[in-house]
Amino acid sequence: MYIDKAIHSFKNSIGKFIGNTPTNETEYNTLVSEQKVFSGTAPTWTEVQAKATELETAEQTKKQTKVSAYRKMDMTDDEILAIDPTLEEYL
């Protein structure tokens, strides 16, 4: 999931690609060479991985912050999950 978001987050990303999300450098290089995914020079697999990690960390931080805010309002786990079920792993 984060690899897709990372690929599309680069300024020179053209849009969606056809097929499965690449899971390694070989698959990524094949995707970039066979489809028009970027205008100009494509980022390296290492850059895409770094961006994916950055995006994942940002989302985790956001969810942890939400849980913290709900806790400050003395909300129970059930109340938090009623508002946002995606927070379950952060409770």
Protein backbone atom coordinates (compact mmCIF):
# COMPACT_ATOMS: atom_id res chain seq x y z
CA MET A 1 0.00 0.00 0.00
CA TYR A 2 2.69 2.48 0.93
CA ILE A 3 4.76 1.66 -2.16
CA ASP A 4 1.81 2.74 -4.36
CA LYS A 5 1.40 5.94 -2.37
CA ALA A 6 5.14 6.56 -2.51
CA ILE A 7 5.27 6.13 -6.28
CA HIS A 8 2.39 8.56 -6.74
CA SER A 9 3.83 11.08 -4.28
CA PHE A 10 6.77 12.03 -6.50
CA LYS A 11 6.24 15.27 -8.41
CA ASN A 12 7.06 13.63 -11.72
CA SER A 13 4.63 10.74 -11.23
CA ILE A 14 2.26 10.57 -14.18
CA GLY A 15 -0.44 8.43 -12.64
CA LYS A 16 -1.54 4.89 -12.09
CA PHE A 17 0.24 1.91 -13.49
CA ILE A 18 -1.17 -1.40 -14.68
CA GLY A 19 -0.41 -4.55 -12.74
CA ASN A 20 0.71 -5.45 -9.27
CA THR A 21 2.58 -3.17 -6.92
CA PRO A 22 6.32 -3.84 -7.16
CA THR A 23 7.77 -5.62 -4.14
CA ASN A 24 11.45 -5.42 -5.01
CA GLU A 25 13.93 -3.49 -7.12
CA THR A 26 13.73 -5.85 -10.10
CA GLU A 27 9.94 -5.58 -10.30
CA TYR A 28 10.13 -1.80 -9.88
CA ASN A 29 12.74 -1.43 -12.63
CA THR A 30 10.63 -3.60 -14.93
CA LEU A 31 7.56 -1.47 -14.21
CA VAL A 32 9.42 1.77 -14.88
CA SER A 33 10.96 0.47 -18.10
CA GLU A 34 7.70 -0.99 -19.48
CA GLN A 35 5.18 1.70 -18.48
CA LYS A 36 5.14 5.48 -18.47
CA VAL A 37 4.97 5.93 -14.70
CA PHE A 38 7.14 9.05 -14.42
CA SER A 39 7.97 11.98 -16.63
CA GLY A 40 11.69 12.46 -16.81
CA THR A 41 13.98 10.49 -14.55
CA ALA A 42 12.26 7.97 -12.30
CA PRO A 43 13.26 7.82 -8.63
CA THR A 44 15.32 4.82 -7.62
CA TRP A 45 13.84 1.87 -5.76
CA THR A 46 15.73 3.06 -2.68
CA GLU A 47 14.09 6.49 -2.94
CA VAL A 48 10.66 4.88 -3.35
CA GLN A 49 11.24 2.66 -0.30
CA ALA A 50 12.40 5.64 1.75
CA LYS A 51 9.29 7.61 0.77
CA ALA A 52 7.06 4.61 1.61
CA THR A 53 8.65 4.39 5.05
CA GLU A 54 8.18 8.13 5.54
CA LEU A 55 4.49 7.88 4.60
CA GLU A 56 3.91 4.88 6.85
CA THR A 57 5.60 6.58 9.80
CA ALA A 58 3.54 9.73 9.26
CA GLU A 59 0.30 7.73 9.22
CA GLN A 60 1.28 5.82 12.37
CA THR A 61 2.13 9.05 14.15
CA LYS A 62 -1.20 10.56 13.11
CA LYS A 63 -3.11 7.56 14.47
CA GLN A 64 -1.13 7.53 17.71
CA THR A 65 -1.86 11.22 18.14
CA LYS A 66 -5.58 10.58 17.62
CA VAL A 67 -5.60 7.84 20.23
CA SER A 68 -3.75 10.11 22.64
CA ALA A 69 -6.31 12.88 22.12
CA TYR A 70 -9.21 10.48 22.65
CA ARG A 71 -7.57 9.17 25.82
CA LYS A 72 -7.30 12.74 27.15
CA MET A 73 -11.07 12.93 26.74
CA ASP A 74 -11.36 9.77 28.88
CA MET A 75 -12.82 7.74 26.01
CA THR A 76 -12.95 3.96 26.27
CA ASP A 77 -11.56 1.62 23.62
CA ASP A 78 -15.10 0.88 22.43
CA GLU A 79 -15.89 4.58 22.06
CA ILE A 80 -12.67 5.18 20.15
CA LEU A 81 -13.34 2.25 17.84
CA ALA A 82 -16.89 3.47 17.21
CA ILE A 83 -15.40 6.71 15.90
CA ASP A 84 -12.47 5.18 14.01
CA PRO A 85 -12.17 1.38 13.68
CA THR A 86 -8.76 1.72 12.02
CA LEU A 87 -7.25 2.67 15.38
CA GLU A 88 -7.70 -0.79 16.91
CA GLU A 89 -4.03 -1.74 16.66
CA TYR A 90 -3.05 1.49 18.47
CA LEU A 91 -5.24 0.89 21.53
